[in-house]
N, C-alpha and C. Protein backbone atom coordinates (compact mmCIF):
# COMPACT_ATOMS: atom_id res chain seq x y z
N MET A 1 0.63 -0.80 0.03
CA MET A 1 0.18 0.03 0.34
C MET A 1 0.71 1.25 -0.09
N ASP A 2 0.64 2.18 -0.55
CA ASP A 2 1.21 3.78 -0.52
C ASP A 2 0.08 4.49 -0.96
N TYR A 3 0.71 5.65 -0.48
CA TYR A 3 -0.60 7.22 -0.65
C TYR A 3 -0.35 7.84 -1.81
N ALA A 4 0.57 7.35 -3.15
CA ALA A 4 0.69 7.65 -4.19
C ALA A 4 -0.07 7.95 -4.96
N HIS A 5 -0.57 8.99 -5.30
CA HIS A 5 -1.76 10.02 -5.52
C HIS A 5 -1.44 10.85 -6.46
N THR A 6 -0.49 11.07 -7.52
CA THR A 6 -0.09 11.79 -8.61
C THR A 6 0.69 10.79 -9.17
N PRO A 7 0.82 11.15 -10.44
CA PRO A 7 1.47 10.57 -11.72
C PRO A 7 3.24 10.55 -10.90
N ASP A 8 3.32 11.35 -10.60
CA ASP A 8 5.14 11.32 -10.29
C ASP A 8 5.67 10.31 -9.33
N ALA A 9 4.28 10.31 -8.40
CA ALA A 9 4.33 9.18 -7.33
C ALA A 9 4.33 7.59 -7.39
N LEU A 10 3.08 7.83 -8.49
CA LEU A 10 3.08 6.21 -8.92
C LEU A 10 4.17 5.75 -9.85
N VAL A 11 4.85 6.59 -10.53
CA VAL A 11 5.97 6.56 -11.39
C VAL A 11 7.18 5.61 -10.33
N ASN A 12 7.64 6.82 -9.38
CA ASN A 12 8.37 6.37 -8.42
C ASN A 12 7.97 4.86 -7.42
N VAL A 13 7.18 4.63 -6.97
CA VAL A 13 6.65 3.78 -6.41
C VAL A 13 6.65 2.06 -7.45
N LEU A 14 6.38 2.93 -8.46
CA LEU A 14 6.11 1.31 -9.23
C LEU A 14 7.36 0.83 -9.63
N ASP A 15 8.50 2.11 -10.21
CA ASP A 15 9.86 1.62 -10.93
C ASP A 15 10.33 1.12 -9.78
N THR A 16 10.33 1.63 -8.42
CA THR A 16 11.17 0.85 -7.15
C THR A 16 10.30 -0.73 -6.80
N ILE A 17 9.61 -0.90 -7.41
CA ILE A 17 9.10 -2.45 -7.13
C ILE A 17 9.22 -2.96 -8.19
N ARG A 18 9.72 -2.69 -9.55
CA ARG A 18 9.97 -3.41 -10.59
C ARG A 18 11.26 -3.56 -10.52
N GLY A 19 12.09 -2.85 -9.79
CA GLY A 19 13.72 -2.70 -9.22
C GLY A 19 13.76 -3.89 -8.53
N VAL A 20 13.23 -4.03 -7.27
CA VAL A 20 13.46 -4.96 -6.60
C VAL A 20 13.10 -6.56 -7.10
N ILE A 21 12.06 -6.53 -8.10
CA ILE A 21 11.55 -7.68 -8.42
C ILE A 21 11.93 -8.12 -9.99
N GLY A 22 12.49 -6.76 -10.52
CA GLY A 22 13.08 -7.40 -11.74
C GLY A 22 12.16 -7.96 -12.83
N THR A 23 12.17 -9.08 -13.36
CA THR A 23 11.30 -9.70 -14.22
C THR A 23 10.48 -11.03 -13.65
N SER A 24 11.03 -11.42 -12.90
CA SER A 24 10.68 -12.23 -11.92
C SER A 24 8.79 -12.34 -11.41
N GLY A 25 8.17 -11.31 -11.58
CA GLY A 25 6.92 -11.54 -10.89
C GLY A 25 6.55 -10.48 -11.56
N ARG A 26 5.19 -10.53 -11.62
CA ARG A 26 4.05 -9.06 -12.39
C ARG A 26 3.87 -8.02 -10.95
N ILE A 27 3.45 -6.88 -11.48
CA ILE A 27 3.27 -5.68 -10.65
C ILE A 27 1.24 -5.47 -11.26
N LEU A 28 0.72 -5.89 -10.08
CA LEU A 28 -0.79 -5.67 -10.20
C LEU A 28 -1.49 -4.37 -9.19
N THR A 29 -1.39 -3.60 -10.11
CA THR A 29 -1.86 -2.32 -9.64
C THR A 29 -3.41 -1.79 -9.28
N VAL A 30 -3.54 -1.68 -8.31
CA VAL A 30 -4.94 -0.90 -8.06
C VAL A 30 -4.68 0.55 -7.68
N VAL A 31 -5.90 1.28 -8.66
CA VAL A 31 -5.36 2.68 -8.05
C VAL A 31 -6.82 3.57 -8.81
N GLY A 32 -7.09 4.58 -7.65
CA GLY A 32 -7.92 5.69 -8.24
C GLY A 32 -7.55 7.18 -8.48
N ALA A 33 -8.22 7.94 -8.39
CA ALA A 33 -8.66 9.40 -8.12
C ALA A 33 -9.09 10.03 -7.63
N GLY A 34 -9.13 10.82 -6.72
CA GLY A 34 -9.84 11.86 -6.01
C GLY A 34 -10.81 12.34 -6.33
N GLY A 35 -11.63 12.92 -6.01
CA GLY A 35 -12.94 13.36 -6.87
C GLY A 35 -12.83 15.06 -6.50
N ASN A 36 -13.38 15.78 -7.00
CA ASN A 36 -13.46 17.18 -6.84
C ASN A 36 -11.94 17.90 -6.58
N ARG A 37 -10.98 16.87 -7.31
CA ARG A 37 -9.29 17.70 -7.69
C ARG A 37 -8.83 17.72 -8.86
N ASP A 38 -7.48 17.94 -8.96
CA ASP A 38 -6.92 18.10 -10.09
C ASP A 38 -7.40 16.93 -11.78
N HIS A 39 -8.63 17.57 -12.18
CA HIS A 39 -8.60 16.54 -13.33
C HIS A 39 -7.75 16.24 -14.34
N GLY A 40 -6.75 16.89 -14.54
CA GLY A 40 -5.86 16.81 -15.24
C GLY A 40 -4.92 15.76 -14.97
N LYS A 41 -4.70 15.38 -13.85
CA LYS A 41 -3.89 14.20 -13.50
C LYS A 41 -4.58 12.61 -13.74
N ARG A 42 -6.08 13.24 -13.78
CA ARG A 42 -6.09 11.26 -13.92
C ARG A 42 -5.59 10.42 -14.85
N PRO A 43 -5.98 11.06 -16.19
CA PRO A 43 -5.59 10.25 -17.53
C PRO A 43 -3.94 10.27 -17.39
N MET A 44 -3.03 11.47 -16.72
CA MET A 44 -1.74 11.02 -16.43
C MET A 44 -1.16 9.50 -15.42
N MET A 45 -2.30 9.58 -14.61
CA MET A 45 -2.20 8.47 -13.58
C MET A 45 -2.20 7.33 -14.05
N ALA A 46 -3.32 6.91 -14.63
CA ALA A 46 -3.32 5.55 -15.63
C ALA A 46 -2.54 5.67 -16.33
N ARG A 47 -2.23 6.17 -16.93
CA ARG A 47 -1.17 5.89 -18.34
C ARG A 47 0.27 5.72 -17.56
N GLU A 48 0.66 6.23 -16.56
CA GLU A 48 2.41 5.78 -16.04
C GLU A 48 1.68 4.38 -14.92
N ALA A 49 0.62 4.28 -14.76
CA ALA A 49 0.12 3.08 -13.75
C ALA A 49 0.22 1.74 -15.02
N ALA A 50 -0.77 1.67 -16.13
CA ALA A 50 -0.39 1.04 -16.76
C ALA A 50 0.80 0.83 -17.79
N GLN A 51 1.47 1.75 -18.27
CA GLN A 51 3.09 1.42 -18.98
C GLN A 51 3.80 0.30 -17.79
N ARG A 52 4.04 0.72 -16.57
CA ARG A 52 4.99 0.25 -15.12
C ARG A 52 3.89 -1.15 -14.58
N SER A 53 2.71 -1.62 -14.83
CA SER A 53 2.20 -2.35 -14.55
C SER A 53 1.67 -3.38 -15.38
N ASP A 54 1.71 -4.67 -14.89
CA ASP A 54 1.49 -5.80 -15.84
C ASP A 54 -0.08 -6.02 -15.75
N VAL A 55 -0.82 -5.81 -14.97
CA VAL A 55 -2.32 -5.77 -14.45
C VAL A 55 -2.81 -4.21 -13.72
N LEU A 56 -3.77 -3.96 -14.44
CA LEU A 56 -4.25 -2.81 -13.83
C LEU A 56 -5.29 -2.99 -13.36
N PHE A 57 -6.09 -2.18 -12.44
CA PHE A 57 -7.29 -2.23 -11.66
C PHE A 57 -7.73 -0.54 -11.47
N LEU A 58 -8.78 -0.08 -12.19
CA LEU A 58 -9.06 1.17 -11.95
C LEU A 58 -10.06 1.17 -11.17
N THR A 59 -10.11 1.79 -10.00
CA THR A 59 -11.10 1.99 -8.84
C THR A 59 -11.50 3.39 -8.51
N SER A 60 -12.07 3.34 -7.28
CA SER A 60 -12.73 4.42 -6.76
C SER A 60 -11.81 5.07 -5.55
N ASP A 61 -11.65 6.10 -5.02
CA ASP A 61 -10.79 6.37 -4.11
C ASP A 61 -11.51 7.22 -2.90
N ASN A 62 -11.35 8.40 -3.16
CA ASN A 62 -12.54 9.36 -2.46
C ASN A 62 -13.43 10.14 -3.77
N PRO A 63 -14.43 9.88 -3.89
CA PRO A 63 -15.14 10.47 -4.98
C PRO A 63 -15.37 11.95 -4.61
N ARG A 64 -15.58 12.18 -3.40
CA ARG A 64 -16.19 13.22 -2.71
C ARG A 64 -17.72 13.51 -3.47
N PHE A 65 -17.68 14.55 -4.03
CA PHE A 65 -19.16 15.23 -4.83
C PHE A 65 -19.20 14.19 -6.09
N GLU A 66 -18.20 13.87 -6.77
CA GLU A 66 -18.31 13.04 -8.23
C GLU A 66 -18.61 11.75 -8.07
N ASP A 67 -19.32 11.49 -9.36
CA ASP A 67 -19.40 9.85 -9.70
C ASP A 67 -18.14 9.63 -9.67
N PRO A 68 -17.95 8.26 -9.04
CA PRO A 68 -16.89 7.68 -9.21
C PRO A 68 -16.42 7.04 -10.47
N ASP A 69 -18.12 6.57 -11.18
CA ASP A 69 -17.68 5.96 -12.25
C ASP A 69 -17.14 6.97 -13.50
N ALA A 70 -17.28 8.14 -13.50
CA ALA A 70 -16.77 9.16 -14.19
C ALA A 70 -15.61 9.83 -14.27
N ILE A 71 -15.07 9.73 -12.77
CA ILE A 71 -13.83 9.77 -12.53
C ILE A 71 -12.74 8.45 -13.11
N ILE A 72 -13.40 7.43 -12.95
CA ILE A 72 -12.68 6.20 -13.52
C ILE A 72 -12.48 6.08 -15.37
N ALA A 73 -13.41 7.09 -15.76
CA ALA A 73 -13.53 7.58 -17.20
C ALA A 73 -12.48 8.32 -17.53
N ASP A 74 -12.66 9.28 -16.45
CA ASP A 74 -11.73 10.46 -17.01
C ASP A 74 -10.13 9.75 -16.88
N MET A 75 -9.90 9.02 -16.01
CA MET A 75 -8.57 8.00 -16.00
C MET A 75 -8.23 7.22 -17.37
N ARG A 76 -9.60 6.42 -17.33
CA ARG A 76 -9.71 5.49 -19.00
C ARG A 76 -9.01 6.37 -20.27
N ALA A 77 -9.66 7.88 -20.29
CA ALA A 77 -9.33 8.68 -21.05
C ALA A 77 -7.51 8.85 -21.56
N GLY A 78 -6.95 8.09 -20.61
CA GLY A 78 -5.40 8.59 -20.78
C GLY A 78 -4.61 7.04 -21.59
N LEU A 79 -5.62 5.97 -21.45
CA LEU A 79 -5.01 4.87 -21.86
C LEU A 79 -5.13 4.44 -23.41
N SER A 80 -3.95 3.97 -23.89
CA SER A 80 -4.26 3.44 -25.48
C SER A 80 -4.88 2.52 -25.16
N ASP A 81 -5.26 2.39 -26.65
CA ASP A 81 -6.27 0.97 -26.77
C ASP A 81 -6.30 -0.03 -26.29
N GLU A 82 -5.44 -0.30 -26.69
CA GLU A 82 -4.35 -1.75 -26.15
C GLU A 82 -4.46 -1.70 -24.44
N GLN A 83 -3.87 -0.99 -23.80
CA GLN A 83 -4.16 -0.47 -22.51
C GLN A 83 -5.49 -0.52 -22.01
N ALA A 84 -6.32 0.21 -22.60
CA ALA A 84 -7.86 -0.15 -22.03
C ALA A 84 -8.61 -1.27 -21.93
N VAL A 85 -7.68 -2.04 -23.51
CA VAL A 85 -8.63 -3.47 -23.20
C VAL A 85 -8.70 -4.26 -22.02
N SER A 86 -6.87 -3.95 -21.94
CA SER A 86 -6.57 -4.93 -20.71
C SER A 86 -6.28 -4.48 -19.32
N THR A 87 -7.25 -3.53 -19.14
CA THR A 87 -7.32 -2.85 -17.48
C THR A 87 -8.91 -3.16 -17.51
N THR A 88 -8.94 -3.50 -15.96
CA THR A 88 -10.11 -3.79 -15.43
C THR A 88 -10.79 -2.36 -14.22
N CYS A 89 -11.66 -2.22 -14.75
CA CYS A 89 -12.23 -1.14 -14.04
C CYS A 89 -13.42 -1.58 -13.26
N ILE A 90 -13.16 -1.50 -11.24
CA ILE A 90 -14.19 -2.38 -10.48
C ILE A 90 -14.41 -0.85 -9.79
N THR A 91 -15.71 -0.58 -9.60
CA THR A 91 -15.72 0.80 -9.09
C THR A 91 -15.47 0.55 -7.59
N ASP A 92 -16.23 -0.71 -6.74
CA ASP A 92 -16.06 -0.62 -5.38
C ASP A 92 -14.80 -0.94 -5.05
N ARG A 93 -13.80 -0.27 -4.44
CA ARG A 93 -12.61 -0.40 -3.82
C ARG A 93 -12.57 -1.79 -3.48
N ARG A 94 -13.38 -2.00 -2.53
CA ARG A 94 -12.90 -3.39 -2.05
C ARG A 94 -13.18 -4.44 -2.66
N SER A 95 -13.98 -4.58 -3.71
CA SER A 95 -14.11 -5.70 -4.66
C SER A 95 -12.69 -5.69 -5.86
N ALA A 96 -12.33 -4.32 -6.30
CA ALA A 96 -11.15 -4.01 -6.89
C ALA A 96 -9.81 -5.01 -6.00
N ILE A 97 -9.80 -4.25 -4.93
CA ILE A 97 -8.60 -5.34 -4.11
C ILE A 97 -8.73 -6.43 -4.46
N ARG A 98 -9.80 -6.95 -4.06
CA ARG A 98 -9.64 -8.50 -3.78
C ARG A 98 -9.62 -9.16 -4.98
N ALA A 99 -9.92 -8.57 -6.18
CA ALA A 99 -9.93 -8.95 -7.66
C ALA A 99 -8.19 -9.45 -7.49
N ALA A 100 -7.33 -7.55 -7.31
CA ALA A 100 -5.97 -8.05 -8.09
C ALA A 100 -5.76 -9.27 -6.67
N ILE A 101 -5.77 -9.27 -5.77
CA ILE A 101 -5.02 -10.58 -4.83
C ILE A 101 -5.74 -11.41 -5.37
N GLU A 102 -6.92 -12.10 -5.68
CA GLU A 102 -7.06 -13.03 -6.30
C GLU A 102 -6.22 -13.39 -7.31
N GLN A 103 -6.04 -12.88 -8.53
CA GLN A 103 -5.38 -12.64 -9.52
C GLN A 103 -3.64 -12.79 -9.50
N ALA A 104 -3.27 -12.60 -8.33
CA ALA A 104 -1.82 -12.80 -7.96
C ALA A 104 -0.92 -13.98 -7.85
N GLN A 105 -0.43 -13.94 -8.16
CA GLN A 105 0.25 -15.61 -7.80
C GLN A 105 2.04 -15.14 -7.26
N PRO A 106 2.63 -16.09 -6.73
CA PRO A 106 3.65 -16.52 -5.97
C PRO A 106 4.68 -15.52 -6.79
N GLY A 107 5.15 -14.55 -6.00
CA GLY A 107 6.48 -13.98 -7.04
C GLY A 107 6.12 -12.30 -7.37
N ASP A 108 4.38 -12.46 -7.55
CA ASP A 108 3.79 -11.11 -8.20
C ASP A 108 3.90 -9.95 -6.74
N VAL A 109 3.80 -8.65 -6.97
CA VAL A 109 3.36 -7.93 -6.00
C VAL A 109 1.78 -6.97 -6.46
N VAL A 110 1.31 -6.87 -5.28
CA VAL A 110 -0.23 -6.17 -5.47
C VAL A 110 0.58 -4.69 -5.21
N LEU A 111 0.43 -3.66 -5.74
CA LEU A 111 0.09 -2.39 -5.41
C LEU A 111 -1.23 -1.56 -4.67
N ILE A 112 -1.28 -1.55 -4.10
CA ILE A 112 -2.60 -0.70 -3.91
C ILE A 112 -2.20 0.74 -3.43
N ALA A 113 -2.44 1.35 -4.34
CA ALA A 113 -1.94 3.23 -4.25
C ALA A 113 -3.48 3.99 -4.12
N GLY A 114 -2.86 5.13 -3.66
CA GLY A 114 -3.85 6.09 -3.87
C GLY A 114 -4.18 7.04 -1.97
N LYS A 115 -4.77 5.70 -1.49
CA LYS A 115 -5.22 5.66 0.12
C LYS A 115 -4.06 5.94 1.44
N GLY A 116 -3.28 4.91 0.81
CA GLY A 116 -2.22 4.82 2.09
C GLY A 116 -3.12 4.58 3.50
N HIS A 117 -2.29 5.52 4.60
CA HIS A 117 -2.69 5.23 5.37
C HIS A 117 -4.26 6.03 6.17
N GLU A 118 -4.81 6.57 5.16
CA GLU A 118 -6.52 7.18 5.46
C GLU A 118 -7.13 5.66 5.71
N ASN A 119 -7.98 6.21 6.75
CA ASN A 119 -9.08 4.95 6.68
C ASN A 119 -10.36 5.17 6.78
N TYR A 120 -10.70 5.83 5.65
CA TYR A 120 -11.99 6.32 5.30
C TYR A 120 -12.33 6.54 3.95
N GLN A 121 -12.91 6.93 3.18
CA GLN A 121 -13.41 6.60 2.15
C GLN A 121 -14.57 7.92 1.62
N GLU A 122 -14.31 9.41 1.28
CA GLU A 122 -15.41 10.00 1.29
C GLU A 122 -16.23 10.51 0.17
N VAL A 123 -17.48 10.00 0.33
CA VAL A 123 -18.48 9.89 -0.22
C VAL A 123 -19.42 11.04 -0.29
N GLU A 124 -19.91 11.78 -1.17
CA GLU A 124 -21.29 13.21 -1.01
C GLU A 124 -20.77 13.56 0.53
N GLY A 125 -19.87 13.99 0.64
CA GLY A 125 -19.32 14.83 2.23
C GLY A 125 -19.39 13.96 3.47
N VAL A 126 -19.41 12.71 3.13
CA VAL A 126 -19.31 11.61 4.32
C VAL A 126 -18.41 10.90 4.20
N LYS A 127 -17.28 11.00 5.46
CA LYS A 127 -16.35 9.76 5.54
C LYS A 127 -16.29 8.43 6.00
N HIS A 128 -16.57 7.65 5.21
CA HIS A 128 -16.79 6.37 5.73
C HIS A 128 -15.50 5.38 6.17
N HIS A 129 -15.77 4.58 7.18
CA HIS A 129 -14.69 3.86 7.28
C HIS A 129 -14.46 3.11 6.33
N PHE A 130 -13.03 3.21 5.98
CA PHE A 130 -12.47 2.18 4.56
C PHE A 130 -10.74 2.10 4.92
N ASP A 131 -10.39 1.36 4.99
CA ASP A 131 -9.27 0.81 5.43
C ASP A 131 -8.51 -0.11 4.40
N ASP A 132 -7.81 0.33 3.50
CA ASP A 132 -7.10 -0.56 2.21
C ASP A 132 -6.36 -1.92 3.33
N ARG A 133 -5.60 -1.37 3.98
CA ARG A 133 -4.67 -2.63 4.98
C ARG A 133 -5.98 -3.47 5.84
N GLU A 134 -7.26 -3.02 6.20
CA GLU A 134 -8.13 -3.90 6.58
C GLU A 134 -8.49 -4.78 5.73
N GLU A 135 -8.98 -4.37 4.27
CA GLU A 135 -9.52 -4.72 3.03
C GLU A 135 -8.40 -6.07 2.76
N VAL A 136 -7.15 -5.50 2.61
CA VAL A 136 -6.17 -6.93 2.09
C VAL A 136 -6.47 -7.81 3.70
N LEU A 137 -5.98 -7.45 4.29
CA LEU A 137 -6.48 -8.52 5.84
C LEU A 137 -7.56 -9.71 5.81
N ALA A 138 -8.59 -9.07 5.07
CA ALA A 138 -9.87 -9.87 4.75
C ALA A 138 -9.83 -10.25 3.54
N ALA A 139 -8.77 -10.17 2.53
CA ALA A 139 -8.73 -10.58 1.03
C ALA A 139 -8.23 -12.21 1.72
N PHE A 140 -7.60 -12.15 2.47
CA PHE A 140 -6.19 -13.26 2.47
C PHE A 140 -6.88 -13.82 4.26
N ASN A 141 -8.36 -13.83 4.62
CA ASN A 141 -8.98 -14.43 5.90
C ASN A 141 -8.13 -14.16 6.74
N LEU A 142 -7.36 -13.02 7.12
CA LEU A 142 -6.51 -12.72 8.48
C LEU A 142 -7.26 -12.16 9.38
């Protein structure tokens, strides 16, 4: 898990992961973009994540007062046709995290980016309890 929520931050964390695992494993990335924030970075974040990940899941982050599917559509706009076909969009963050973990094989790394230490998801002005760490543990039945 990483708080990476900008294109540069995603590049840094994904390049670091690739440097550690080399070509021995895949990188599966789960990432979203915050609502009511810089719309211009959304397509760039998806493009950087797609270029540096073997498997990409686009999902919600803190949609705030925006439609999460519209945010994901903004992100998809940064993908090439080939990248768009191989990218999975799952609006529900919990489901996206579980899907990535279920697809991972020994030697793979699952990066869950964007929220890091946050323990909430902000939707329509309400902060709902949501913790990526708890979701990972639940996916592993721990």
